[in-house]
Structures are given as structure tokens and as C-alpha cells.
Protein backbone atom coordinates (compact mmCIF):
# COMPACT_ATOMS: atom_id res chain seq x y z
CA MET A 1 -54.71 12.23 -5.95
CA VAL A 2 -51.10 12.79 -4.55
CA PRO A 3 -49.78 15.70 -5.42
CA LEU A 4 -46.91 16.24 -7.94
CA PRO A 5 -44.00 17.47 -5.71
CA ARG A 6 -44.50 14.92 -3.04
CA LEU A 7 -44.48 12.55 -5.43
CA VAL A 8 -41.08 13.53 -7.28
CA LEU A 9 -39.75 13.61 -3.39
CA ALA A 10 -41.12 10.64 -2.93
CA ALA A 11 -39.56 8.84 -6.14
CA ILE A 12 -35.91 10.78 -5.06
CA ALA A 13 -35.65 9.34 -1.99
CA ALA A 14 -36.26 5.41 -3.58
CA LEU A 15 -33.75 6.42 -5.32
CA GLY A 16 -31.56 7.16 -3.44
CA LEU A 17 -31.90 4.33 -0.91
CA ALA A 18 -31.46 2.19 -3.73
CA ALA A 19 -28.18 3.58 -4.60
CA CYS A 20 -27.18 3.47 -1.29
CA SER A 21 -28.13 -0.25 -0.66
CA ASN A 22 -26.21 -1.10 -3.47
CA ALA A 23 -22.96 0.57 -3.09
CA PRO A 24 -19.84 -1.78 -2.32
CA ALA A 25 -18.49 -2.18 0.88
CA ALA A 26 -15.80 0.74 1.95
CA PRO A 27 -12.79 -1.14 2.73
CA GLY A 28 -11.40 -2.20 6.20
CA PRO A 29 -8.75 0.01 7.67
CA GLU A 30 -5.10 -1.05 6.91
CA LEU A 31 -3.50 -3.36 9.70
CA THR A 32 0.21 -2.80 8.56
CA PRO A 33 2.70 -0.92 10.89
CA PRO A 34 4.01 2.46 9.23
CA PRO A 35 7.99 1.36 8.09
CA PRO A 36 10.29 2.90 10.93
CA ARG A 37 11.74 5.73 10.38
CA VAL A 38 15.61 6.92 9.25
CA ASP A 39 17.52 8.54 11.97
CA ALA A 40 21.09 10.11 10.20
CA LYS A 41 22.82 7.44 11.73
CA THR A 42 21.33 4.17 10.04
CA GLN A 43 21.77 6.44 6.82
CA LEU A 44 25.84 7.12 8.19
CA GLU A 45 26.34 3.28 8.61
CA TYR A 46 23.99 2.54 5.79
CA GLY A 47 25.04 5.22 2.78
CA ALA A 48 21.34 4.81 1.51
CA PRO A 49 18.05 4.00 4.05
CA PRO A 50 18.14 0.26 4.44
CA PRO A 51 15.85 -1.40 1.19
CA ARG A 52 11.88 -1.69 2.64
CA ALA A 53 10.65 -5.35 2.20
CA PRO A 54 8.04 -5.98 -0.38
CA ARG A 55 4.24 -5.50 0.39
CA TYR A 56 1.91 -8.15 -0.86
């Protein structure tokens, strides 16, 4: 007969493995480049930072 602590540890390991196998995959890295930085001259020319392009 299998000792009770060994049986409990086996059950916990099986539940952990089952939870990891059902987890959704991690999202991939975002491949869009960061928006360009606005320097002081650009802010003086435009009065405000230029509008950002919409992200889809």
C-alpha cells in the first residue's frame, strides 16, 4: 500500500501538471515600434506634440 503523504504529493503534482497544460499561451511580443520622441524644437514649431497615428 502506498503511504498517504506520497499519494498526496503525487495528486498535487498531477493537478499542477493538468493546470499548466490547460493554461492559455502567453501573448507574443509587440512588434510595433515606439512612437517617435518629440523634441523641444518640434514642440515650438507645432505648438503641441504632433498627433499620434491611431493604433489598430
